[in-house]
Amino acid sequence: MSLAEHIRVYRNAYFLALSAAMGSIFYGWDIGLIGGVISMGSFKADFGVNEMTDAQRADFNGNIVSVLQGGSFFGALSTGYFSSTFGRQPTLVASGIVYIVGSVIQSIVGLGSSRATALSVLYFGRFVGGFGVGMVSALVPSYVSESVPRNIRGRCTGMIQLANNTGIMLSYWINYSCNRNLPAGSSQWRIPFIMQVIPGVLFVIGMVFQPESPRWLVEHGKRERAAASLARAAGTTPDDPAVQFTLSEIEADFAGKERATLWQQFRMMGESRHTALRSFIPSLVMFFQQWTGTNAINYFSPQIFAGLGLSSTSAGLFATGIYGVVKVVSVGAVIAFAVEGLGRKLCLIIGGLLQGFMMLWIGGFSAVHPSSDIVPASYVSIVAVYLYAVGYCIGWGPVPWVIAGEVAPNHVRTAALSVAIGVNWLFSFTISKITPIMLDEIKYGTFLLFGFCCLIMSVWAYALLPETTGYALEDVHWLFEDEMVTRALQDAPGGRVFLGGKRATPVAELRAAAAGEEVESEDGLGKDLDAKVDHVETAGDTGAPRPHAPLRVSAI
């Protein structure tokens, strides 16, 4: 299929992913915005930061950043109930409205009020905005992964991180422009808060025109609407045999588990070892993502660049803007060429190792050169920050969102992803709160800690995570049966050396055995299934066994 034909067929799926990803733009916008705002002299003057001691300033910066994470934590946990009851699409629209309200409150901070009142209003506005951000971050990955075809699912889900980094980059440059071009005063820091309303409005408008998740529709007995949603994303018609086969697969997956309440889903997460493991992995990858230290740099990059020698506010904000550009370009390239081609597992391994080594370099440089004077190695350290961003965008930036959406069991997906995103926000809150304190107290040890964490998570991805690329959501559970570690090592580069002659049973054979079917060959194309569906697409040469399903639609 040519590129033009590919875009024509899947244009609705890409537009759906783009509309949903707008929510991640305002998520990233706030991440990048606040670090630059609190470094502006006008903001410090208006809120009395210059009158604080170093310890008080570190505590103030941690509070102003982390209050959004607190709101996001509660927003993420509340999403499960609303999305299960009212649907994914209307809940996403509502979350955008909540974010807009929070952004407007932040924009009017300090108008006709005292400094103490202004600070309280700012905290409240960031909490409300964070609540909306948390709802979006919890729901967008599952909505996209449930709604688009499998052969573009990784790319579409990865667009969440691309949008996040785009929002971060835009906010960095707006901060830099305001600081450089506007006279000192409240408008200098207020305009960035006003600008963050724009992506929220675009998100709400885009999501109004998107369909409901087909899996939510099947779960609620709305088969015809589910068929229309599947067909729309795959560029075909509702009566296409592939669409009907997909519906039957989804219905079979929900058999005996229909309309489970959120509390029932939480209980069902522990119904078996395999379900518990698949429900735990999304939370684990989100935990790992935060302990790469990425938000330490996102939120406090001007302060970090100052420690590496770029001491002026404008220079720090400019370097931070370049950091944002590097992240957008890197994650865009990964989504376009790597997440489907290299696979989820290899991206996590490569990205984690690159992040780990760069953090260790920055920590080592900071230890032997504690002053902020520029030396030749300072430039190497600044480049290391940018290479760290590249590593994050290769692996632990976009891929955890893909893994979380794919691994969570369908019948408890809402609960599992709500917990996962809650964990993400809980530790985002933790990192943003403790980073300025660590930079003040243990200095270079901050970077060493994050560097070793990156190496540890790379080992986990190598030895304990099976490759999920190329499998339908309904087939992923086979990867976590009794041979999970064997399958993980088998999928790892050079991992078969540790297995000797042992190999995991191909997914096609496991599925065929469960269905009482015969498998024609090891590549997973069963006779009976080929007879059911005439039009199929291959999963691509990813090294993963090819599940025998009509991939164009049944992979949704």
Protein backbone atom coordinates (compact mmCIF):
# COMPACT_ATOMS: atom_id res chain seq x y z
CA MET A 1 0.00 0.00 0.00
CA SER A 2 1.43 3.38 -1.03
CA LEU A 3 1.73 6.22 1.46
CA ALA A 4 -1.10 8.15 -0.23
CA GLU A 5 -3.36 5.09 -0.18
CA HIS A 6 -2.43 4.36 3.43
CA ILE A 7 -3.40 7.90 4.48
CA ARG A 8 -6.63 7.74 2.47
CA VAL A 9 -7.72 4.48 4.08
CA TYR A 10 -6.77 5.39 7.64
CA ARG A 11 -7.41 9.15 7.56
CA ASN A 12 -10.28 8.86 10.06
CA ALA A 13 -8.14 6.85 12.47
CA TYR A 14 -5.31 9.38 12.29
CA PHE A 15 -7.74 12.28 12.73
CA LEU A 16 -9.21 10.55 15.78
CA ALA A 17 -5.73 10.07 17.26
CA LEU A 18 -4.80 13.67 16.45
CA SER A 19 -7.97 15.05 18.05
CA ALA A 20 -7.42 12.98 21.21
CA ALA A 21 -3.73 13.88 21.29
CA MET A 22 -4.64 17.57 21.49
CA GLY A 23 -5.38 16.78 25.13
CA SER A 24 -1.75 15.84 25.56
CA ILE A 25 -0.70 19.15 24.04
CA PHE A 26 -2.26 21.06 26.91
CA TYR A 27 -0.87 18.45 29.31
CA GLY A 28 2.63 19.14 27.96
CA TRP A 29 1.95 22.86 27.73
CA ASP A 30 1.50 23.15 31.48
CA ILE A 31 4.54 20.97 32.17
CA GLY A 32 6.79 23.27 30.16
CA LEU A 33 5.09 26.53 31.08
CA ILE A 34 5.45 26.58 34.85
CA GLY A 35 9.21 26.00 35.03
CA GLY A 36 9.86 29.01 32.82
CA VAL A 37 7.28 31.22 34.54
CA ILE A 38 8.71 30.70 38.02
CA SER A 39 12.18 31.63 36.72
CA MET A 40 11.01 35.04 35.42
CA GLY A 41 12.06 38.05 37.45
CA SER A 42 8.59 39.62 37.11
CA PHE A 43 6.93 36.54 38.63
CA LYS A 44 9.45 36.45 41.47
CA ALA A 45 8.83 40.12 42.19
CA ASP A 46 5.02 39.81 42.14
CA PHE A 47 5.02 36.83 44.50
CA GLY A 48 7.91 37.83 46.75
CA VAL A 49 10.19 34.97 45.76
CA ASN A 50 13.27 37.18 45.94
CA GLU A 51 12.58 37.76 49.63
CA MET A 52 12.74 34.04 50.45
CA THR A 53 15.70 31.99 51.64
CA ASP A 54 17.10 29.25 49.36
CA ALA A 55 15.21 26.56 51.28
CA GLN A 56 11.96 28.55 51.17
CA ARG A 57 12.40 29.18 47.46
CA ALA A 58 12.93 25.47 46.76
CA ASP A 59 9.83 24.62 48.76
CA PHE A 60 7.80 27.33 46.98
CA ASN A 61 8.89 26.11 43.54
CA GLY A 62 8.04 22.53 44.46
CA ASN A 63 4.59 23.56 45.69
CA ILE A 64 3.70 25.70 42.68
CA VAL A 65 4.66 22.88 40.31
CA SER A 66 3.33 19.89 42.24
CA VAL A 67 -0.17 21.23 43.02
CA LEU A 68 -1.11 20.50 39.40
CA GLN A 69 0.09 16.91 39.83
CA GLY A 70 -2.10 16.64 42.93
CA GLY A 71 -5.16 17.66 40.92
CA SER A 72 -4.13 15.33 38.10
CA PHE A 73 -3.86 12.39 40.50
CA PHE A 74 -7.47 12.81 41.62
CA GLY A 75 -8.62 13.53 38.08
CA ALA A 76 -7.05 10.31 36.82
CA LEU A 77 -8.66 8.23 39.57
CA SER A 78 -12.10 9.74 38.93
CA THR A 79 -11.98 9.03 35.21
CA GLY A 80 -12.75 5.33 35.58
CA TYR A 81 -16.25 5.90 36.91
CA PHE A 82 -17.18 8.59 34.41
CA SER A 83 -15.80 6.80 31.35
CA SER A 84 -17.40 3.48 32.29
CA THR A 85 -20.77 5.11 32.92
CA PHE A 86 -21.01 7.82 30.26
CA GLY A 87 -18.48 6.67 27.65
CA ARG A 88 -14.94 7.64 26.69
CA GLN A 89 -15.78 10.40 24.21
CA PRO A 90 -18.14 12.52 26.36
CA THR A 91 -15.81 12.18 29.35
CA LEU A 92 -12.92 13.48 27.24
CA VAL A 93 -14.99 16.49 26.18
CA ALA A 94 -15.87 17.18 29.83
CA SER A 95 -12.21 16.91 30.87
CA GLY A 96 -11.26 19.54 28.30
CA ILE A 97 -13.87 21.92 29.72
CA VAL A 98 -12.52 21.40 33.26
CA TYR A 99 -9.01 22.19 32.02
CA ILE A 100 -10.20 25.39 30.31
CA VAL A 101 -11.86 26.55 33.55
CA GLY A 102 -8.63 25.93 35.49
CA SER A 103 -6.58 27.78 32.86
CA VAL A 104 -8.90 30.82 32.96
CA ILE A 105 -8.59 30.95 36.77
CA GLN A 106 -4.77 30.92 36.47
CA SER A 107 -4.96 33.71 33.88
CA ILE A 108 -6.75 36.16 36.22
CA VAL A 109 -4.51 35.56 39.24
CA GLY A 110 -3.55 38.76 41.03
CA LEU A 111 -6.09 41.06 39.38
CA GLY A 112 -7.27 43.36 42.17
CA SER A 113 -6.11 41.12 45.01
CA SER A 114 -3.30 40.88 47.53
CA ARG A 115 -0.19 38.75 47.05
CA ALA A 116 -1.44 36.09 49.50
CA THR A 117 -4.84 35.91 47.84
CA ALA A 118 -3.25 35.74 44.38
CA LEU A 119 -1.09 32.80 45.43
CA SER A 120 -4.11 30.95 46.83
CA VAL A 121 -6.05 31.52 43.61
CA LEU A 122 -3.06 30.32 41.58
CA TYR A 123 -2.89 27.12 43.62
CA PHE A 124 -6.63 26.57 43.18
CA GLY A 125 -6.51 27.23 39.43
CA ARG A 126 -3.61 24.83 38.95
CA PHE A 127 -5.42 22.15 40.95
CA VAL A 128 -8.58 22.51 38.83
CA GLY A 129 -6.57 22.54 35.59
CA GLY A 130 -4.65 19.53 36.85
CA PHE A 131 -7.89 17.66 37.49
CA GLY A 132 -8.76 18.07 33.80
CA VAL A 133 -5.25 17.12 32.71
CA GLY A 134 -5.41 13.97 34.87
CA MET A 135 -8.72 12.94 33.30
CA VAL A 136 -7.30 13.37 29.80
CA SER A 137 -4.05 11.55 30.54
CA ALA A 138 -5.92 8.58 32.02
CA LEU A 139 -8.41 8.22 29.19
CA VAL A 140 -6.70 9.18 25.92
CA PRO A 141 -4.37 6.11 25.75
CA SER A 142 -7.20 3.60 26.17
CA TYR A 143 -9.56 5.54 23.88
CA VAL A 144 -7.00 5.63 21.06
CA SER A 145 -5.80 2.03 21.48
CA GLU A 146 -9.39 0.75 21.53
CA SER A 147 -10.43 2.73 18.47
CA VAL A 148 -7.72 2.41 15.81
CA PRO A 149 -6.47 -0.55 13.71
CA ARG A 150 -3.66 -2.64 15.13
CA ASN A 151 -1.15 -2.03 12.34
CA ILE A 152 -1.13 1.70 13.17
CA ARG A 153 -2.01 1.41 16.87
CA GLY A 154 1.53 1.97 18.14
CA ARG A 155 1.96 4.99 15.90
CA CYS A 156 -1.40 6.48 16.91
CA THR A 157 -0.91 5.85 20.62
CA GLY A 158 2.63 7.21 20.37
CA MET A 159 1.15 10.45 19.03
CA ILE A 160 0.14 11.10 22.64
CA GLN A 161 3.78 11.62 23.59
CA LEU A 162 4.47 13.59 20.40
CA ALA A 163 1.61 15.93 21.30
CA ASN A 164 2.88 16.14 24.89
CA ASN A 165 6.34 17.16 23.71
CA THR A 166 4.86 19.61 21.21
CA GLY A 167 2.98 21.30 24.04
CA ILE A 168 6.16 21.42 26.13
CA MET A 169 8.12 22.92 23.22
CA LEU A 170 5.51 25.57 22.45
CA SER A 171 5.31 26.65 26.08
CA TYR A 172 9.12 26.87 26.29
CA TRP A 173 9.28 29.25 23.34
CA ILE A 174 6.33 31.32 24.55
CA ASN A 175 8.10 31.73 27.90
CA TYR A 176 11.31 32.73 26.11
CA SER A 177 9.49 35.21 23.85
CA CYS A 178 7.58 36.81 26.71
CA ASN A 179 10.68 37.13 28.86
CA ARG A 180 12.71 38.61 25.99
CA ASN A 181 10.18 40.88 24.28
CA LEU A 182 7.74 42.06 26.95
CA PRO A 183 8.57 44.67 29.61
CA ALA A 184 8.88 43.40 33.15
CA GLY A 185 5.47 43.23 34.78
CA SER A 186 2.58 40.88 35.45
CA SER A 187 1.71 40.58 31.74
CA GLN A 188 5.09 38.95 31.14
CA TRP A 189 4.13 35.86 33.15
CA ARG A 190 0.34 36.13 32.70
CA ILE A 191 0.33 35.77 28.89
CA PRO A 192 1.76 32.22 28.99
CA PHE A 193 -1.13 31.23 31.30
CA ILE A 194 -3.63 32.82 28.90
CA MET A 195 -2.11 31.04 25.89
CA GLN A 196 -2.63 27.60 27.44
CA VAL A 197 -6.40 28.01 27.00
CA ILE A 198 -6.00 27.66 23.21
CA PRO A 199 -5.11 23.93 23.02
CA GLY A 200 -7.92 23.18 25.48
CA VAL A 201 -10.47 24.82 23.20
CA LEU A 202 -9.11 23.02 20.13
CA PHE A 203 -9.26 19.70 21.99
CA VAL A 204 -12.91 20.15 22.96
CA ILE A 205 -13.88 21.12 19.41
CA GLY A 206 -12.01 18.17 17.88
CA MET A 207 -13.41 15.58 20.30
CA VAL A 208 -17.04 16.65 19.76
CA PHE A 209 -16.86 15.12 16.26
CA GLN A 210 -15.20 11.82 17.24
CA PRO A 211 -17.02 8.48 17.71
CA GLU A 212 -17.30 6.44 20.89
CA SER A 213 -14.85 3.60 21.54
CA PRO A 214 -16.13 0.42 19.82
CA ARG A 215 -15.17 -1.71 22.80
CA TRP A 216 -17.19 0.48 25.18
CA LEU A 217 -20.13 0.24 22.75
CA VAL A 218 -19.91 -3.56 22.61
CA GLU A 219 -19.70 -3.74 26.40
CA HIS A 220 -22.92 -1.69 26.60
CA GLY A 221 -24.78 -3.73 23.96
CA LYS A 222 -24.61 -1.16 21.15
CA ARG A 223 -23.39 -3.45 18.39
CA GLU A 224 -24.45 -1.40 15.37
CA ARG A 225 -22.71 1.73 16.62
CA ALA A 226 -19.62 -0.35 17.42
CA ALA A 227 -19.56 -1.70 13.85
CA ALA A 228 -19.85 1.83 12.47
CA SER A 229 -17.00 3.02 14.72
CA LEU A 230 -14.75 0.12 13.68
CA ALA A 231 -15.51 0.62 10.01
CA ARG A 232 -14.91 4.35 10.19
CA ALA A 233 -11.43 3.91 11.67
CA ALA A 234 -10.46 1.17 9.19
CA GLY A 235 -11.80 2.90 6.07
CA THR A 236 -14.36 0.23 5.25
CA THR A 237 -18.08 -0.50 5.72
CA PRO A 238 -19.91 -1.90 8.78
CA ASP A 239 -20.92 -5.07 6.90
CA ASP A 240 -17.33 -5.89 5.95
CA PRO A 241 -16.58 -9.49 7.09
CA ALA A 242 -13.50 -8.23 8.91
CA VAL A 243 -15.59 -5.76 10.92
CA GLN A 244 -18.08 -8.45 11.84
CA PHE A 245 -15.30 -10.84 12.83
CA THR A 246 -13.76 -8.15 15.02
CA LEU A 247 -17.08 -7.57 16.74
CA SER A 248 -17.40 -11.28 17.46
CA GLU A 249 -13.87 -11.30 18.92
CA ILE A 250 -14.64 -8.34 21.18
CA GLU A 251 -17.94 -9.90 22.27
CA ALA A 252 -16.17 -13.17 23.07
CA ASP A 253 -13.56 -11.31 25.08
CA PHE A 254 -16.30 -9.63 27.15
CA ALA A 255 -18.32 -12.83 27.53
CA GLY A 256 -19.32 -13.26 31.18
CA LYS A 257 -17.84 -9.87 32.07
CA GLU A 258 -20.43 -7.48 30.65
CA ARG A 259 -21.14 -4.13 32.27
CA ALA A 260 -18.83 -4.60 35.23
CA THR A 261 -18.87 -1.59 37.55
CA LEU A 262 -15.61 0.15 38.31
CA TRP A 263 -15.45 -1.46 41.75
CA GLN A 264 -16.08 -4.86 40.16
CA GLN A 265 -13.27 -4.18 37.71
CA PHE A 266 -10.90 -3.42 40.57
CA ARG A 267 -11.83 -6.74 42.16
CA MET A 268 -11.51 -8.58 38.84
CA MET A 269 -7.96 -7.26 38.43
CA GLY A 270 -6.89 -9.96 40.88
CA GLU A 271 -9.06 -12.79 39.54
CA SER A 272 -6.00 -14.68 38.25
CA ARG A 273 -2.23 -14.37 38.26
CA HIS A 274 -2.17 -13.47 34.58
CA THR A 275 -4.85 -10.80 34.89
CA ALA A 276 -3.14 -9.33 37.96
CA LEU A 277 0.19 -9.22 36.13
CA ARG A 278 -1.31 -7.52 33.07
CA SER A 279 -3.11 -5.04 35.31
CA PHE A 280 0.13 -4.29 37.19
CA ILE A 281 2.41 -3.72 34.19
CA PRO A 282 0.72 -0.46 33.04
CA SER A 283 1.28 1.00 36.52
CA LEU A 284 4.86 -0.24 36.55
CA VAL A 285 5.81 1.32 33.21
CA MET A 286 4.25 4.61 34.31
CA PHE A 287 6.22 4.44 37.57
CA PHE A 288 9.39 3.81 35.57
CA GLN A 289 8.62 6.69 33.21
CA GLN A 290 8.60 9.18 36.07
CA TRP A 291 11.82 7.83 37.60
CA THR A 292 13.74 8.46 34.39
CA GLY A 293 13.86 11.99 35.78
CA THR A 294 12.27 13.53 32.70
CA ASN A 295 9.96 15.81 34.65
CA ALA A 296 12.86 16.99 36.76
CA ILE A 297 14.28 18.49 33.56
CA ASN A 298 10.90 19.49 32.10
CA TYR A 299 9.94 21.52 35.15
CA PHE A 300 13.32 22.78 36.32
CA SER A 301 15.37 22.94 33.10
CA PRO A 302 16.21 26.66 33.47
CA GLN A 303 17.64 25.92 36.92
CA ILE A 304 19.54 22.86 35.63
CA PHE A 305 21.00 24.76 32.66
CA ALA A 306 22.01 27.56 35.06
CA GLY A 307 23.95 24.97 37.05
CA LEU A 308 25.74 23.94 33.84
CA GLY A 309 26.82 27.52 33.14
CA LEU A 310 23.89 29.24 31.38
CA SER A 311 23.19 31.57 34.27
CA SER A 312 21.04 34.33 32.67
CA THR A 313 17.28 33.84 32.52
CA SER A 314 17.10 34.37 28.74
CA ALA A 315 19.98 31.96 28.04
CA GLY A 316 18.40 29.30 30.26
CA LEU A 317 14.99 29.70 28.60
CA PHE A 318 16.59 29.61 25.12
CA ALA A 319 18.47 26.38 25.95
CA THR A 320 15.22 24.99 27.34
CA GLY A 321 13.46 25.87 24.07
CA ILE A 322 16.09 23.96 22.10
CA TYR A 323 15.54 21.03 24.49
CA GLY A 324 11.85 21.12 23.56
CA VAL A 325 12.62 21.11 19.83
CA VAL A 326 14.96 18.13 20.24
CA LYS A 327 12.21 16.18 22.02
CA VAL A 328 9.57 16.91 19.37
CA VAL A 329 11.84 15.95 16.45
CA SER A 330 13.05 12.81 18.23
CA VAL A 331 9.67 11.48 19.28
CA GLY A 332 8.23 12.27 15.83
CA ALA A 333 10.96 10.20 14.19
CA VAL A 334 10.45 7.34 16.66
CA ILE A 335 6.69 7.24 16.05
CA ALA A 336 7.12 7.37 12.29
CA PHE A 337 9.89 4.80 11.95
CA ALA A 338 10.74 2.93 15.15
CA VAL A 339 7.79 2.10 17.40
CA GLU A 340 6.33 -0.30 14.79
CA GLY A 341 9.61 -1.21 13.07
CA LEU A 342 11.93 -1.76 16.05
CA GLY A 343 9.17 -2.83 18.41
CA ARG A 344 8.24 -1.64 21.88
CA LYS A 345 10.85 -3.68 23.72
CA LEU A 346 13.95 -2.58 21.80
CA CYS A 347 12.86 1.07 21.97
CA LEU A 348 12.65 0.85 25.78
CA ILE A 349 16.06 -0.82 26.06
CA ILE A 350 17.88 1.63 23.77
CA GLY A 351 16.14 4.67 25.22
CA GLY A 352 16.75 3.64 28.83
CA LEU A 353 20.45 2.98 28.28
CA LEU A 354 20.98 6.31 26.51
CA GLN A 355 19.11 8.20 29.25
CA GLY A 356 21.01 6.38 31.98
CA PHE A 357 24.47 7.08 30.57
CA MET A 358 23.67 10.75 29.90
CA MET A 359 22.35 11.26 33.45
CA LEU A 360 25.47 9.62 34.87
CA TRP A 361 27.65 11.94 32.78
CA ILE A 362 25.76 15.04 33.97
CA GLY A 363 26.00 13.82 37.57
CA GLY A 364 29.72 13.12 37.23
CA PHE A 365 30.41 16.51 35.65
CA SER A 366 28.42 18.30 38.34
CA ALA A 367 30.41 16.45 41.02
CA VAL A 368 33.85 17.42 39.69
CA HIS A 369 32.81 20.91 38.55
CA PRO A 370 30.32 22.27 41.11
CA SER A 371 30.65 25.93 40.06
CA SER A 372 28.52 27.48 37.30
CA ASP A 373 31.53 28.81 35.36
CA ILE A 374 31.68 27.77 31.72
CA VAL A 375 34.42 25.23 30.85
CA PRO A 376 34.74 23.06 27.70
CA ALA A 377 33.07 20.11 29.45
CA SER A 378 30.06 22.36 30.19
CA TYR A 379 29.14 22.25 26.51
CA VAL A 380 29.44 18.47 26.52
CA SER A 381 27.07 18.36 29.49
CA ILE A 382 24.55 20.59 27.73
CA VAL A 383 24.69 18.25 24.72
CA ALA A 384 24.23 15.35 27.16
CA VAL A 385 20.95 16.92 28.31
CA TYR A 386 19.79 16.99 24.69
CA LEU A 387 20.91 13.39 24.10
CA TYR A 388 19.04 12.44 27.25
CA ALA A 389 15.93 13.94 25.62
CA VAL A 390 16.57 11.84 22.50
CA GLY A 391 16.80 8.71 24.65
CA TYR A 392 13.57 9.56 26.42
CA CYS A 393 11.79 10.03 23.11
CA ILE A 394 13.09 6.73 21.76
CA GLY A 395 11.77 4.69 24.65
CA TRP A 396 10.38 5.77 27.99
CA GLY A 397 8.53 8.79 26.60
CA PRO A 398 6.06 7.39 24.02
CA VAL A 399 6.32 3.63 24.55
CA PRO A 400 4.89 3.31 28.11
CA TRP A 401 1.64 4.83 26.84
CA VAL A 402 1.56 2.22 24.07
CA ILE A 403 2.39 -0.64 26.45
CA ALA A 404 -0.21 0.47 29.01
CA GLY A 405 -2.95 0.62 26.38
CA GLU A 406 -2.04 -2.77 24.93
CA VAL A 407 -1.29 -4.86 28.01
CA ALA A 408 -4.25 -3.89 30.22
CA PRO A 409 -6.94 -6.64 30.01
CA ASN A 410 -9.96 -5.52 28.00
CA HIS A 411 -12.55 -6.33 30.68
CA VAL A 412 -10.72 -4.31 33.38
CA ARG A 413 -9.06 -1.78 31.10
CA THR A 414 -10.79 1.25 32.63
CA ALA A 415 -9.74 0.36 36.18
CA ALA A 416 -6.21 -0.76 35.25
CA LEU A 417 -5.45 2.38 33.26
CA SER A 418 -7.01 4.66 35.87
CA VAL A 419 -4.66 3.17 38.46
CA ALA A 420 -1.70 3.38 36.05
CA ILE A 421 -2.25 7.04 35.26
CA GLY A 422 -2.88 7.72 38.94
CA VAL A 423 0.54 6.18 39.67
CA ASN A 424 2.04 8.31 36.91
CA TRP A 425 0.65 11.49 38.43
CA LEU A 426 1.45 10.46 42.00
CA PHE A 427 5.12 10.07 41.17
CA SER A 428 5.08 13.10 38.88
CA PHE A 429 3.92 14.97 41.98
CA THR A 430 6.66 13.33 44.04
CA ILE A 431 9.42 14.10 41.53
CA SER A 432 8.33 17.71 41.01
CA LYS A 433 8.15 18.26 44.77
CA ILE A 434 11.50 16.71 45.68
CA THR A 435 13.61 17.75 42.66
CA PRO A 436 14.29 21.36 43.74
CA ILE A 437 15.02 20.10 47.24
CA MET A 438 17.40 17.40 45.92
CA LEU A 439 19.13 19.92 43.64
CA ASP A 440 19.62 22.15 46.69
CA GLU A 441 20.66 19.39 49.11
CA ILE A 442 22.39 16.54 47.24
CA LYS A 443 23.10 18.40 43.97
CA TYR A 444 24.88 15.97 41.56
CA GLY A 445 23.41 12.98 43.43
CA THR A 446 20.07 13.89 41.86
CA PHE A 447 21.36 13.01 38.39
CA LEU A 448 23.16 9.87 39.57
CA LEU A 449 19.93 8.61 41.16
CA PHE A 450 17.94 9.06 37.95
CA GLY A 451 20.76 7.57 35.88
CA PHE A 452 20.84 4.31 37.85
CA CYS A 453 17.05 4.13 37.72
CA CYS A 454 17.20 4.31 33.92
CA LEU A 455 19.66 1.41 33.79
CA ILE A 456 17.49 -0.71 36.10
CA MET A 457 14.38 -0.23 33.97
CA SER A 458 16.35 -1.13 30.83
CA VAL A 459 17.24 -4.47 32.43
CA TRP A 460 13.56 -5.03 33.28
CA ALA A 461 12.50 -4.34 29.69
CA TYR A 462 15.17 -6.74 28.42
CA ALA A 463 14.42 -9.69 30.68
CA LEU A 464 10.77 -9.43 31.73
CA LEU A 465 8.72 -7.69 29.03
CA PRO A 466 7.47 -9.69 26.02
CA GLU A 467 7.22 -7.90 22.69
CA THR A 468 3.63 -6.78 21.99
CA THR A 469 4.10 -5.37 18.50
CA GLY A 470 1.86 -6.99 15.90
CA TYR A 471 -0.72 -8.57 18.22
CA ALA A 472 -4.41 -7.76 18.42
CA LEU A 473 -5.57 -6.56 21.83
CA GLU A 474 -7.58 -9.77 22.19
CA ASP A 475 -4.37 -11.82 21.66
CA VAL A 476 -2.03 -9.99 24.04
CA HIS A 477 -3.05 -12.16 27.01
CA TRP A 478 -1.27 -15.15 25.43
CA LEU A 479 2.05 -13.34 25.87
CA PHE A 480 1.68 -13.43 29.65
CA GLU A 481 0.91 -17.07 30.15
CA ASP A 482 3.31 -19.46 31.88
CA GLU A 483 6.24 -18.82 29.52
CA MET A 484 6.38 -15.05 29.93
CA VAL A 485 10.05 -14.81 30.94
CA THR A 486 11.07 -17.24 28.21
CA ARG A 487 9.12 -15.21 25.66
CA ALA A 488 10.63 -11.95 26.96
CA LEU A 489 14.20 -13.23 26.61
CA GLN A 490 13.36 -14.81 23.26
CA ASP A 491 12.25 -11.39 22.00
CA ALA A 492 15.30 -9.57 23.45
CA PRO A 493 18.44 -8.88 21.38
CA GLY A 494 20.77 -11.80 22.06
CA GLY A 495 18.38 -13.13 24.68
CA ARG A 496 18.17 -16.60 23.18
CA VAL A 497 21.72 -17.19 24.43
CA PHE A 498 20.28 -17.45 27.95
CA LEU A 499 17.62 -19.96 26.87
CA GLY A 500 19.70 -22.61 25.18
CA GLY A 501 17.29 -24.57 23.03
CA LYS A 502 14.18 -23.60 24.98
CA ARG A 503 11.51 -21.61 23.11
CA ALA A 504 8.08 -20.29 24.04
CA THR A 505 5.04 -21.78 22.34
CA PRO A 506 3.95 -19.52 19.42
CA VAL A 507 0.85 -17.49 20.13
CA ALA A 508 -0.87 -18.93 17.06
CA GLU A 509 -0.56 -22.45 18.49
CA LEU A 510 -1.84 -21.38 21.91
CA ARG A 511 -4.83 -19.69 20.37
CA ALA A 512 -5.56 -22.54 18.01
CA ALA A 513 -5.30 -25.08 20.84
CA ALA A 514 -7.73 -23.07 22.94
CA ALA A 515 -10.17 -22.88 20.04
CA GLY A 516 -9.73 -26.52 19.02
CA GLU A 517 -8.31 -25.51 15.66
CA GLU A 518 -5.32 -26.78 13.70
CA VAL A 519 -2.46 -24.50 12.80
CA GLU A 520 -1.17 -24.82 9.27
CA SER A 521 2.28 -23.43 9.93
CA GLU A 522 4.40 -21.62 12.48
CA ASP A 523 3.64 -18.19 11.04
CA GLY A 524 0.19 -18.30 12.58
CA LEU A 525 -2.15 -18.29 9.58
CA GLY A 526 -4.73 -20.96 10.44
CA LYS A 527 -6.80 -22.69 7.77
CA ASP A 528 -10.16 -22.13 9.37
CA LEU A 529 -9.57 -18.44 9.99
CA ASP A 530 -8.38 -17.81 6.45
CA ALA A 531 -11.63 -19.28 5.27
CA LYS A 532 -13.62 -16.91 7.49
CA VAL A 533 -12.06 -13.68 6.31
CA ASP A 534 -10.86 -13.07 2.79
CA HIS A 535 -9.17 -9.70 3.18
CA VAL A 536 -6.27 -9.55 5.63
CA GLU A 537 -3.09 -7.58 6.03
CA THR A 538 0.15 -8.90 7.45
CA ALA A 539 1.41 -7.74 10.81
CA GLY A 540 4.69 -6.66 9.30
CA ASP A 541 8.12 -8.18 9.69
CA THR A 542 8.60 -7.28 13.34
CA GLY A 543 9.99 -10.57 14.56
CA ALA A 544 6.79 -11.29 16.48
CA PRO A 545 4.66 -14.34 15.64
CA ARG A 546 1.79 -13.18 13.43
CA PRO A 547 -1.62 -13.56 15.05
CA HIS A 548 -4.10 -15.05 12.62
CA ALA A 549 -6.72 -12.31 12.52
CA PRO A 550 -8.04 -9.86 9.92
CA LEU A 551 -5.48 -7.26 10.79
CA ARG A 552 -6.94 -4.32 8.98
CA VAL A 553 -9.89 -4.12 11.35
CA SER A 554 -9.78 -6.93 13.87
CA ALA A 555 -6.63 -5.43 15.25
CA ILE A 556 -8.61 -2.47 16.54
